[in-house]
């Protein structure tokens, strides 16, 4: 998940507006692919792990992956922009803290 997040951060470097993001088709596809990877990774987590960490909305992460893969023509790129701006940094922070504590 962290690798996909790092890719998204790299791709989004210097993209400072939703319009800049949504007008760049290649960028959108690259970001959506990495969000799919994050969703697939969360799907592969054990149910015990998911249950032990209810502070993360795993169901929404998996659900986003489902939409991105199976219902891609209905993807709202403004929603993707908002996920990148708000949700991804929060998930990255949680995962980083979790992994540091797991050592």
Protein backbone atom coordinates (compact mmCIF):
# COMPACT_ATOMS: atom_id res chain seq x y z
CA UNK A 1 0.00 0.00 0.00
CA UNK A 2 2.78 2.39 0.90
CA UNK A 3 4.50 1.80 -2.44
CA UNK A 4 1.31 2.68 -4.31
CA UNK A 5 0.90 5.77 -2.15
CA UNK A 6 4.48 6.80 -2.88
CA UNK A 7 3.79 6.44 -6.60
CA UNK A 8 0.68 8.59 -6.32
CA UNK A 9 2.65 11.23 -4.39
CA UNK A 10 5.35 11.19 -7.06
CA UNK A 11 2.83 11.48 -9.89
CA UNK A 12 0.94 14.26 -8.12
CA UNK A 13 4.05 16.32 -7.38
CA UNK A 14 3.41 19.88 -8.60
CA UNK A 15 -0.26 19.17 -9.40
CA UNK A 16 -1.88 21.94 -7.45
CA UNK A 17 -5.52 21.85 -8.48
CA UNK A 18 -8.34 19.48 -9.20
CA UNK A 19 -8.60 20.91 -12.72
CA UNK A 20 -4.91 20.19 -13.38
CA UNK A 21 -5.46 16.64 -12.20
CA UNK A 22 -8.70 15.91 -14.05
CA UNK A 23 -7.45 17.40 -17.32
CA UNK A 24 -4.45 15.04 -17.46
CA UNK A 25 -5.77 11.69 -18.68
CA UNK A 26 -2.48 9.81 -18.27
CA UNK A 27 -2.07 11.11 -14.72
CA UNK A 28 -5.62 10.11 -13.85
CA UNK A 29 -5.08 6.60 -15.15
CA UNK A 30 -1.81 6.24 -13.24
CA UNK A 31 -3.39 7.41 -10.00
CA UNK A 32 -6.48 5.23 -10.45
CA UNK A 33 -4.28 2.18 -11.08
CA UNK A 34 -2.41 2.76 -7.83
CA UNK A 35 -5.66 3.28 -5.93
CA UNK A 36 -6.76 -0.08 -7.32
CA UNK A 37 -3.54 -1.58 -5.94
CA UNK A 38 -4.25 -0.10 -2.52
CA UNK A 39 -7.77 -1.53 -2.59
CA UNK A 40 -6.54 -4.95 -3.69
CA UNK A 41 -3.93 -4.95 -0.93
CA UNK A 42 -6.53 -4.09 1.68
CA UNK A 43 -8.76 -6.88 0.36
CA UNK A 44 -5.96 -9.36 0.93
CA UNK A 45 -5.54 -8.42 4.59
CA UNK A 46 -6.72 -11.07 7.01
CA UNK A 47 -10.21 -10.57 8.37
CA UNK A 48 -8.69 -10.75 11.88
CA UNK A 49 -6.40 -7.81 11.08
CA UNK A 50 -9.29 -5.79 9.65
CA UNK A 51 -11.42 -6.55 12.71
CA UNK A 52 -8.59 -5.52 15.05
CA UNK A 53 -8.27 -2.15 13.29
CA UNK A 54 -11.78 -0.76 12.90
CA UNK A 55 -10.46 2.82 12.90
CA UNK A 56 -9.66 2.34 9.20
CA UNK A 57 -12.62 2.12 6.83
CA UNK A 58 -11.36 -0.99 5.04
CA UNK A 59 -14.76 -1.57 3.46
CA UNK A 60 -14.64 1.79 1.68
CA UNK A 61 -11.09 1.16 0.49
CA UNK A 62 -12.15 -2.18 -0.98
CA UNK A 63 -15.34 -0.65 -2.34
CA UNK A 64 -13.39 2.04 -4.16
CA UNK A 65 -11.26 -0.63 -5.78
CA UNK A 66 -14.41 -2.43 -6.93
CA UNK A 67 -15.76 0.74 -8.53
CA UNK A 68 -12.42 1.59 -10.15
CA UNK A 69 -12.07 -1.88 -11.65
CA UNK A 70 -15.64 -2.77 -12.56
CA UNK A 71 -17.49 0.51 -12.93
CA UNK A 72 -14.72 2.72 -14.29
CA UNK A 73 -16.96 4.75 -16.55
CA UNK A 74 -18.76 6.13 -13.52
CA UNK A 75 -15.59 7.20 -11.68
CA UNK A 76 -15.85 10.76 -10.43
CA UNK A 77 -12.38 12.29 -10.78
CA UNK A 78 -13.23 15.09 -8.36
CA UNK A 79 -13.94 12.41 -5.76
CA UNK A 80 -10.57 10.82 -6.59
CA UNK A 81 -8.92 14.23 -6.12
CA UNK A 82 -10.54 14.53 -2.69
CA UNK A 83 -9.39 11.03 -1.73
CA UNK A 84 -5.83 11.91 -2.74
CA UNK A 85 -5.93 15.16 -0.78
CA UNK A 86 -7.58 13.93 2.43
CA UNK A 87 -7.92 10.20 2.80
CA UNK A 88 -4.61 9.00 1.39
CA UNK A 89 -2.43 11.08 3.73
CA UNK A 90 -4.46 9.85 6.71
CA UNK A 91 -4.13 6.20 5.64
CA UNK A 92 -0.41 6.65 4.96
CA UNK A 93 0.10 8.14 8.40
CA UNK A 94 -1.79 5.29 10.07
CA UNK A 95 0.09 2.60 8.12
CA UNK A 96 3.46 4.21 8.84
CA UNK A 97 2.71 4.42 12.56
CA UNK A 98 1.39 0.87 12.61
CA UNK A 99 4.48 -0.51 10.84
CA UNK A 100 6.83 1.42 13.13
CA UNK A 101 5.07 -0.09 16.12
CA UNK A 102 5.14 -3.58 14.61
CA UNK A 103 8.95 -3.76 14.75
